[in-house]
Amino acid sequence: MPLFGELFVSELIKKPVLDPKGDEVGRVKDLIVIRGEPLPRVSALILEEKKKRFCLEWENVGIFNKRIISSKIHAPKLKPYESIDDNLLIVRDVFDKQIVDANGAKIVRVNDVRLEGRDNNACLSGVDVGVRGILRRLGIERKSENIYRIFGKSFSHNIIRWSYIQPLEPRLSIISLAVPRQMLSALHPADIADIISDAPVDQGTALFKKLDPNVAAETLHELEPNIQKAIIDSLDKDYATEIVERMPPDEAADLLADLETERAKEILESIEKEEAEDIQELLAHEEDTAGGLMTNEFIACSPGLTVQEAIEKFKMDAHDIETVYYIYIVEDEKLTGVTTLKDMLLTSPSLPLSEITETKLKTVSPYTNQQVVAEIISKYNLLAIPVVNDDGGLLGIVTIDDIMDVLLPPSSRKRRRSV
């Protein structure tokens, strides 16, 4: 059965099919696809003639290319086509469906389907998600290409190979890439969040569940509260707890604040006691204050430690902390100074930390308005600022990345409330 080179389904739709005498038996309406190895293949053509539909089995197809399609049998031998839900149709079930393009970190739309000949079969080899596919379906691809050439430009092909696509099922609402978990998890969490946000909720949730748990925890914070809530509500308690436990306490507090009270309590009660207390402490602060912005994860050392001892402590503690800008010097639970890793590395290992401690500190209280916090950080070029109570005790720190949310507030600004 000759299939010359590659062709696209849009080039076949409405194309006449001729019988052995050259008479038209109908025009192509759709193509039925079945599973195949290594690629799905066309099992039959659906023809339409005078508003009636017929099924032309693949074994009865003669010539099959974009110039001519012929049938080995005459019209009287064609079987009427009866719609069956188990059938997968290219035009009905694949065209215009959304697909996750992990390479471009976005949701795209199937504009056309590419076929290629393999062992006398027409196999689905890829989907066209580019502009060419749209123009081809409109019948103006070649004309548009000629216009572009006048201006010295050309259309690029944007084909996603079928080998990257999940097994198909009838009546799909969305197609997703069968992307290896490692490949999806290798994307930046913000890019993954964009993909999930663009997908329908159920599909976005399915993609989220494919992520490595650590990446899932980072991604969740990048999502808008309504999407976060939908995802967490769809997870069982144990997995939801695992994700929350992997988040920094300030991000976990943001998340739990937007859940229903009972769901938040359920997760909090499942988290290790010490971590749950850290999160609960953050939830108690108003959202537009330093307490509402801060994280209670930081590295604190006693002034009596030597630089070498502090570096060893840093190596152990830093694994569990999201960002480390400064090392805070604390004595009798009160903040007395701050130093940096740079200062420690450039100093004699035997010196006590008190020798390299900056004691003229800029601090804020947990009740300081977030705008004031932002102004102080900006004025003194700080990467983080300590949050202390009335007795000088170190409660937490507000980092520059948290302040960026104040200076450039996203539409998904988190709202905190006590739980």
Protein backbone atom coordinates (compact mmCIF):
# COMPACT_ATOMS: atom_id res chain seq x y z
CA MET A 1 0.00 0.00 0.00
CA PRO A 2 1.92 3.06 -1.15
CA LEU A 3 2.36 5.87 1.35
CA PHE A 4 4.91 8.26 -0.07
CA GLY A 5 6.91 10.09 2.59
CA GLU A 6 5.12 11.89 5.38
CA LEU A 7 1.76 13.57 5.24
CA PHE A 8 -0.54 15.36 7.61
CA VAL A 9 -4.11 14.44 8.48
CA SER A 10 -5.36 17.93 7.61
CA GLU A 11 -4.23 17.28 4.01
CA LEU A 12 -6.57 14.27 3.85
CA ILE A 13 -9.75 15.66 5.36
CA LYS A 14 -12.51 16.17 2.75
CA LYS A 15 -10.32 14.51 0.15
CA PRO A 16 -12.31 12.28 -2.30
CA VAL A 17 -11.75 8.52 -2.21
CA LEU A 18 -12.00 6.76 -5.56
CA ASP A 19 -13.11 3.18 -6.24
CA PRO A 20 -11.34 0.86 -8.75
CA LYS A 21 -13.25 2.51 -11.63
CA GLY A 22 -12.28 6.01 -10.54
CA ASP A 23 -15.70 6.90 -9.19
CA GLU A 24 -15.96 8.78 -5.92
CA VAL A 25 -17.23 6.69 -3.02
CA GLY A 26 -17.03 9.41 -0.39
CA ARG A 27 -14.76 11.99 1.20
CA VAL A 28 -12.49 11.50 4.20
CA LYS A 29 -14.15 12.63 7.39
CA ASP A 30 -11.87 11.13 10.02
CA LEU A 31 -9.42 8.31 10.68
CA ILE A 32 -9.73 5.51 13.22
CA VAL A 33 -6.55 4.72 15.13
CA ILE A 34 -5.55 1.62 17.07
CA ARG A 35 -2.55 0.85 19.22
CA GLY A 36 0.50 -0.41 17.42
CA GLU A 37 4.17 -1.08 18.04
CA PRO A 38 6.10 1.09 18.13
CA LEU A 39 3.53 3.65 16.96
CA PRO A 40 -0.28 3.82 16.76
CA ARG A 41 -1.60 3.08 13.27
CA VAL A 42 -4.63 3.91 11.16
CA SER A 43 -7.08 1.00 11.09
CA ALA A 44 -9.81 2.55 8.93
CA LEU A 45 -10.98 5.70 7.17
CA ILE A 46 -14.37 7.21 7.93
CA LEU A 47 -15.93 8.44 4.69
CA GLU A 48 -18.89 10.74 4.26
CA GLU A 49 -21.18 10.69 1.24
CA LYS A 50 -24.51 12.52 1.11
CA LYS A 51 -24.49 12.99 4.90
CA LYS A 52 -24.04 9.25 5.42
CA ARG A 53 -20.88 7.81 6.90
CA PHE A 54 -19.08 4.65 5.88
CA CYS A 55 -16.07 2.74 7.15
CA LEU A 56 -13.26 1.83 4.77
CA GLU A 57 -11.02 -0.70 6.49
CA TRP A 58 -7.31 -0.18 6.01
CA GLU A 59 -6.83 -3.47 4.17
CA ASN A 60 -9.28 -2.18 1.55
CA VAL A 61 -7.35 1.06 0.98
CA GLY A 62 -5.40 1.10 -2.28
CA ILE A 63 -3.38 4.25 -2.85
CA PHE A 64 -2.93 6.51 0.15
CA ASN A 65 -1.17 9.85 -0.18
CA LYS A 66 -2.02 13.54 -0.22
CA ARG A 67 -2.60 13.50 -3.99
CA ILE A 68 -4.90 10.51 -4.29
CA ILE A 69 -6.70 8.04 -2.05
CA SER A 70 -8.27 4.96 -3.62
CA SER A 71 -10.41 2.08 -2.42
CA LYS A 72 -10.03 -1.55 -3.51
CA ILE A 73 -13.78 -2.05 -3.18
CA HIS A 74 -16.82 -0.37 -4.68
CA ALA A 75 -19.34 1.72 -2.76
CA PRO A 76 -21.95 -1.06 -2.25
CA LYS A 77 -19.41 -3.06 -0.25
CA LEU A 78 -18.63 -0.24 2.18
CA LYS A 79 -19.99 -0.80 5.68
CA PRO A 80 -21.99 1.97 7.36
CA TYR A 81 -19.99 3.59 10.14
CA GLU A 82 -21.51 3.35 13.58
CA SER A 83 -19.98 5.59 16.23
CA ILE A 84 -18.44 3.56 19.04
CA ASP A 85 -17.09 5.21 22.17
CA ASP A 86 -14.14 2.81 22.22
CA ASN A 87 -12.97 4.08 18.84
CA LEU A 88 -10.19 6.66 18.82
CA LEU A 89 -10.62 9.19 16.03
CA ILE A 90 -7.85 11.58 15.06
CA VAL A 91 -9.95 14.63 14.18
CA ARG A 92 -12.46 14.15 16.97
CA ASP A 93 -10.14 13.02 19.75
CA VAL A 94 -6.69 14.43 18.96
CA PHE A 95 -7.09 17.67 17.02
CA ASP A 96 -7.09 20.79 19.24
CA LYS A 97 -6.29 18.89 22.40
CA GLN A 98 -3.75 20.32 24.80
CA ILE A 99 -0.37 18.77 25.26
CA VAL A 100 2.46 19.39 27.69
CA ASP A 101 5.65 20.42 25.92
CA ALA A 102 8.31 19.85 28.58
CA ASN A 103 11.05 21.24 26.35
CA GLY A 104 9.25 24.56 26.06
CA ALA A 105 7.86 24.32 29.60
CA LYS A 106 4.35 25.18 28.47
CA ILE A 107 0.98 23.87 27.36
CA VAL A 108 0.50 23.79 23.59
CA ARG A 109 -2.32 22.70 21.30
CA VAL A 110 -2.37 19.93 18.71
CA ASN A 111 -2.91 21.65 15.38
CA ASP A 112 -2.28 18.65 13.13
CA VAL A 113 -1.14 15.02 13.19
CA ARG A 114 1.73 13.68 11.10
CA LEU A 115 1.57 10.23 9.49
CA GLU A 116 4.36 8.14 8.02
CA GLY A 117 4.44 4.80 6.26
CA ARG A 118 5.75 1.74 8.11
CA ASP A 119 5.31 -1.85 6.92
CA ASN A 120 2.37 -0.92 4.67
CA ASN A 121 0.68 0.95 7.53
CA ALA A 122 0.02 4.63 8.11
CA CYS A 123 1.47 5.28 11.56
CA LEU A 124 1.11 8.34 13.77
CA SER A 125 4.64 9.70 14.06
CA GLY A 126 4.07 13.08 15.66
CA VAL A 127 1.84 16.06 16.34
CA ASP A 128 2.27 19.54 14.91
CA VAL A 129 1.91 22.18 17.64
CA GLY A 130 3.18 25.12 15.58
CA VAL A 131 1.79 27.83 13.35
CA ARG A 132 2.34 25.69 10.26
CA GLY A 133 -0.25 23.24 11.53
CA ILE A 134 -2.85 25.98 11.87
CA LEU A 135 -2.13 27.37 8.40
CA ARG A 136 -2.18 23.88 6.90
CA ARG A 137 -5.64 23.24 8.32
CA LEU A 138 -6.79 26.57 6.87
CA GLY A 139 -5.34 25.54 3.51
CA ILE A 140 -2.96 28.49 3.31
CA GLU A 141 0.33 26.99 4.46
CA ARG A 142 2.09 27.22 1.09
CA LYS A 143 0.74 30.70 0.33
CA SER A 144 1.84 31.96 3.76
CA GLU A 145 5.24 30.36 3.32
CA ASN A 146 5.72 32.20 0.02
CA ILE A 147 4.82 35.50 1.67
CA TYR A 148 7.30 34.87 4.46
CA ARG A 149 10.04 34.12 1.92
CA ILE A 150 9.53 37.54 0.36
CA PHE A 151 10.61 39.01 3.70
CA GLY A 152 13.49 36.58 4.05
CA LYS A 153 11.81 34.55 6.78
CA SER A 154 10.63 30.97 7.05
CA PHE A 155 8.26 28.92 9.17
CA SER A 156 9.88 26.51 11.56
CA HIS A 157 8.41 23.06 12.08
CA ASN A 158 7.25 22.40 15.62
CA ILE A 159 6.66 18.68 15.80
CA ILE A 160 6.53 16.62 18.98
CA ARG A 161 7.41 13.03 18.21
CA TRP A 162 4.79 10.46 19.09
CA SER A 163 7.30 8.44 21.08
CA TYR A 164 7.09 11.17 23.74
CA ILE A 165 3.31 11.05 23.99
CA GLN A 166 1.26 9.02 26.41
CA PRO A 167 -0.81 6.04 25.21
CA LEU A 168 -4.02 7.33 23.70
CA GLU A 169 -7.51 6.70 24.93
CA PRO A 170 -10.85 7.52 23.29
CA ARG A 171 -12.61 10.77 24.12
CA LEU A 172 -9.49 12.45 25.51
CA SER A 173 -9.92 15.86 27.11
CA ILE A 174 -6.18 16.48 27.11
CA ILE A 175 -3.06 14.73 25.84
CA SER A 176 0.04 14.75 27.99
CA LEU A 177 3.61 13.85 27.34
CA ALA A 178 4.77 10.53 28.68
CA VAL A 179 7.68 12.52 30.04
CA PRO A 180 9.95 10.55 32.33
CA ARG A 181 9.53 11.71 35.90
CA GLN A 182 13.18 12.75 35.94
CA MET A 183 12.75 14.93 32.82
CA LEU A 184 9.76 16.81 34.19
CA SER A 185 11.38 17.18 37.60
CA ALA A 186 14.51 18.65 35.94
CA LEU A 187 12.56 21.77 34.94
CA HIS A 188 12.65 24.83 37.17
CA PRO A 189 9.75 24.71 39.70
CA ALA A 190 8.43 28.02 38.33
CA ASP A 191 8.28 26.53 34.81
CA ILE A 192 6.55 23.41 36.13
CA ALA A 193 4.07 25.66 37.93
CA ASP A 194 3.34 27.46 34.64
CA ILE A 195 2.61 24.14 32.94
CA ILE A 196 0.33 22.99 35.76
CA SER A 197 -1.46 26.36 35.83
CA ASP A 198 -2.18 26.22 32.09
CA ALA A 199 -3.60 22.70 32.25
CA PRO A 200 -7.10 21.73 33.42
CA VAL A 201 -7.11 21.08 37.16
CA ASP A 202 -7.33 17.29 36.88
CA GLN A 203 -4.50 17.12 34.36
CA GLY A 204 -2.37 19.57 36.31
CA THR A 205 -2.87 17.46 39.41
CA ALA A 206 -1.86 14.33 37.49
CA LEU A 207 1.33 16.07 36.34
CA PHE A 208 2.05 17.22 39.89
CA LYS A 209 1.83 13.65 41.17
CA LYS A 210 4.54 12.60 38.69
CA LEU A 211 7.06 14.97 40.25
CA ASP A 212 9.86 14.01 42.55
CA PRO A 213 8.58 14.86 46.07
CA ASN A 214 11.27 17.50 46.65
CA VAL A 215 10.47 19.19 43.34
CA ALA A 216 6.75 18.90 44.10
CA ALA A 217 7.30 20.78 47.35
CA GLU A 218 9.16 23.58 45.56
CA THR A 219 6.59 23.73 42.76
CA LEU A 220 3.59 23.91 45.05
CA HIS A 221 4.67 27.26 46.48
CA GLU A 222 4.88 28.73 42.96
CA LEU A 223 1.20 28.01 42.26
CA GLU A 224 -1.77 30.25 42.93
CA PRO A 225 -3.69 29.49 46.14
CA ASN A 226 -6.75 28.05 44.38
CA ILE A 227 -4.58 25.59 42.43
CA GLN A 228 -2.58 24.72 45.53
CA LYS A 229 -5.77 23.97 47.37
CA ALA A 230 -7.16 21.81 44.55
CA ILE A 231 -3.96 19.78 44.40
CA ILE A 232 -3.60 19.28 48.15
CA ASP A 233 -7.27 18.37 48.47
CA SER A 234 -6.79 15.69 45.80
CA LEU A 235 -3.88 14.06 47.63
CA ASP A 236 -4.27 11.52 50.39
CA LYS A 237 -3.26 12.69 53.85
CA ASP A 238 0.07 10.85 53.93
CA TYR A 239 1.32 12.22 50.60
CA ALA A 240 0.06 15.73 51.35
CA THR A 241 1.89 15.58 54.67
CA GLU A 242 5.08 14.40 52.97
CA ILE A 243 4.97 17.35 50.56
CA VAL A 244 4.32 19.91 53.30
CA GLU A 245 7.12 18.49 55.45
CA ARG A 246 9.57 19.08 52.61
CA MET A 247 8.62 22.76 52.30
CA PRO A 248 10.35 25.55 54.24
CA PRO A 249 8.13 26.45 57.23
CA ASP A 250 7.19 29.89 55.86
CA GLU A 251 6.05 28.38 52.55
CA ALA A 252 4.20 25.61 54.38
CA ALA A 253 2.45 28.26 56.47
CA ASP A 254 1.42 30.11 53.30
CA LEU A 255 -0.05 26.90 51.92
CA LEU A 256 -1.90 25.79 55.03
CA ALA A 257 -3.36 29.26 55.51
CA ASP A 258 -5.31 28.87 52.28
CA LEU A 259 -6.72 25.43 53.07
CA GLU A 260 -9.96 24.73 54.84
CA THR A 261 -9.37 24.74 58.60
CA GLU A 262 -10.09 21.04 59.06
CA ARG A 263 -7.79 20.02 56.21
CA ALA A 264 -4.99 22.23 57.54
CA LYS A 265 -5.37 20.79 61.05
CA GLU A 266 -5.36 17.26 59.65
CA ILE A 267 -2.04 17.87 57.92
CA LEU A 268 -0.53 19.76 60.87
CA GLU A 269 -1.39 16.90 63.21
CA SER A 270 0.39 14.46 60.89
CA ILE A 271 3.60 16.50 60.70
CA GLU A 272 6.42 15.94 63.17
CA LYS A 273 5.75 17.94 66.33
CA GLU A 274 8.74 20.28 66.06
CA GLU A 275 8.02 21.18 62.43
CA ALA A 276 4.32 21.63 63.14
CA GLU A 277 5.14 24.05 65.95
CA ASP A 278 7.37 26.11 63.62
CA ILE A 279 4.55 26.36 61.09
CA GLN A 280 1.91 27.13 63.72
CA GLU A 281 4.11 29.92 65.09
CA LEU A 282 4.29 31.54 61.65
CA LEU A 283 0.56 31.19 61.06
CA ALA A 284 -0.10 33.30 64.16
CA HIS A 285 1.30 36.47 62.56
CA GLU A 286 -0.57 38.92 60.37
CA GLU A 287 0.23 38.55 56.68
CA ASP A 288 1.42 42.13 56.09
CA THR A 289 3.96 42.16 58.93
CA ALA A 290 7.54 41.00 59.37
CA GLY A 291 6.18 38.03 61.31
CA GLY A 292 3.99 37.15 58.38
CA LEU A 293 6.93 37.30 55.98
CA MET A 294 9.64 35.67 58.06
CA THR A 295 10.96 32.14 58.14
CA ASN A 296 12.12 30.62 61.40
CA GLU A 297 14.83 28.59 59.64
CA PHE A 298 18.25 30.18 60.08
CA ILE A 299 21.73 29.31 61.34
CA ALA A 300 22.63 30.57 64.79
CA CYS A 301 25.91 30.08 66.66
CA SER A 302 27.27 30.92 70.08
CA PRO A 303 29.90 33.70 70.17
CA GLY A 304 32.28 31.38 72.00
CA LEU A 305 32.59 28.96 69.09
CA THR A 306 35.74 29.13 67.04
CA VAL A 307 35.46 29.89 63.35
CA GLN A 308 36.35 26.26 62.55
CA GLU A 309 33.66 24.95 64.90
CA ALA A 310 31.13 27.34 63.34
CA ILE A 311 32.04 26.15 59.84
CA GLU A 312 31.51 22.52 60.88
CA LYS A 313 28.15 23.45 62.39
CA PHE A 314 27.27 25.29 59.21
CA LYS A 315 27.98 22.15 57.14
CA MET A 316 25.54 20.14 59.23
CA ASP A 317 22.75 22.72 59.57
CA ALA A 318 22.73 24.25 56.07
CA HIS A 319 21.35 21.08 54.42
CA ASP A 320 17.90 21.70 55.91
CA ILE A 321 17.72 25.45 55.31
CA GLU A 322 16.47 26.95 52.07
CA THR A 323 18.73 30.02 51.93
CA VAL A 324 21.66 31.09 54.08
CA TYR A 325 22.86 34.68 53.82
CA TYR A 326 24.18 35.29 57.33
CA ILE A 327 25.18 33.40 60.47
CA TYR A 328 23.47 34.89 63.51
CA ILE A 329 25.28 35.09 66.81
CA VAL A 330 22.99 34.26 69.72
CA GLU A 331 23.81 34.23 73.45
CA ASP A 332 21.28 33.36 76.15
CA GLU A 333 18.63 33.19 73.37
CA LYS A 334 19.26 36.84 72.47
CA LEU A 335 20.66 38.12 69.17
CA THR A 336 24.02 39.79 69.77
CA GLY A 337 25.50 40.00 66.29
CA VAL A 338 25.86 38.62 62.78
CA THR A 339 28.64 37.38 60.54
CA THR A 340 28.93 35.91 57.08
CA LEU A 341 30.33 32.71 55.63
CA LYS A 342 32.78 34.84 53.64
CA ASP A 343 34.13 36.40 56.83
CA MET A 344 34.56 32.96 58.39
CA LEU A 345 36.39 31.53 55.39
CA LEU A 346 38.80 34.47 55.26
CA THR A 347 39.58 34.38 58.98
CA SER A 348 41.89 32.22 61.05
CA PRO A 349 39.99 29.01 62.01
CA SER A 350 41.11 29.34 65.63
CA LEU A 351 39.57 32.77 66.24
CA PRO A 352 36.31 32.94 68.24
CA LEU A 353 33.25 34.16 66.35
CA SER A 354 33.04 37.15 68.67
CA GLU A 355 36.13 38.53 66.91
CA ILE A 356 34.39 38.74 63.52
CA THR A 357 30.89 39.62 64.66
CA GLU A 358 29.09 42.76 63.51
CA THR A 359 27.16 44.04 66.50
CA LYS A 360 25.57 47.14 64.97
CA LEU A 361 22.45 45.38 63.77
CA LYS A 362 19.36 46.40 61.89
CA THR A 363 16.38 44.48 63.19
CA VAL A 364 12.59 44.59 63.05
CA SER A 365 9.86 43.36 65.33
CA PRO A 366 7.31 40.76 64.22
CA TYR A 367 4.72 43.55 64.08
CA THR A 368 6.71 45.82 61.73
CA ASN A 369 4.73 46.58 58.57
CA GLN A 370 6.04 44.71 55.53
CA GLN A 371 6.54 47.96 53.59
CA VAL A 372 8.80 49.28 56.33
CA VAL A 373 10.74 46.00 56.28
CA ALA A 374 11.20 46.36 52.53
CA GLU A 375 12.44 49.96 52.93
CA ILE A 376 15.02 48.97 55.57
CA ILE A 377 16.34 46.07 53.50
CA SER A 378 16.59 48.30 50.45
CA LYS A 379 18.19 51.23 52.30
CA TYR A 380 20.94 49.15 53.91
CA ASN A 381 21.43 46.69 51.01
CA LEU A 382 20.65 43.69 53.18
CA LEU A 383 20.01 40.15 51.97
CA ALA A 384 18.03 39.35 55.12
CA ILE A 385 16.95 41.10 58.28
CA PRO A 386 16.45 39.54 61.75
CA VAL A 387 13.06 39.62 63.42
CA VAL A 388 13.37 39.93 67.20
CA ASN A 389 10.91 40.10 70.09
CA ASP A 390 10.83 42.77 72.80
CA ASP A 391 13.56 40.96 74.75
CA GLY A 392 15.90 40.77 71.76
CA GLY A 393 15.22 37.10 71.16
CA LEU A 394 15.70 35.98 67.53
CA LEU A 395 12.35 34.79 66.15
CA GLY A 396 13.20 34.51 62.47
CA ILE A 397 14.49 36.35 59.43
CA VAL A 398 12.92 38.06 56.44
CA THR A 399 14.91 37.35 53.27
CA ILE A 400 15.27 39.45 50.15
CA ASP A 401 13.26 36.98 48.06
CA ASP A 402 10.29 37.38 50.42
CA ILE A 403 10.57 41.15 50.17
CA MET A 404 10.49 40.93 46.37
CA ASP A 405 6.92 39.70 46.74
CA VAL A 406 6.15 42.97 48.52
CA LEU A 407 7.93 45.20 46.03
CA LEU A 408 6.48 43.29 43.05
CA PRO A 409 3.32 41.72 44.49
CA PRO A 410 2.09 38.71 42.45
CA SER A 411 -1.59 38.16 41.77
CA SER A 412 -1.27 35.02 43.85
CA ARG A 413 -0.28 36.85 47.04
CA LYS A 414 -0.76 34.43 49.93
CA ARG A 415 -3.19 35.20 52.70
CA ARG A 416 -2.45 33.88 56.15
CA ARG A 417 -4.82 33.19 58.98
CA SER A 418 -4.53 31.31 62.24
CA VAL A 419 -5.34 27.61 62.16
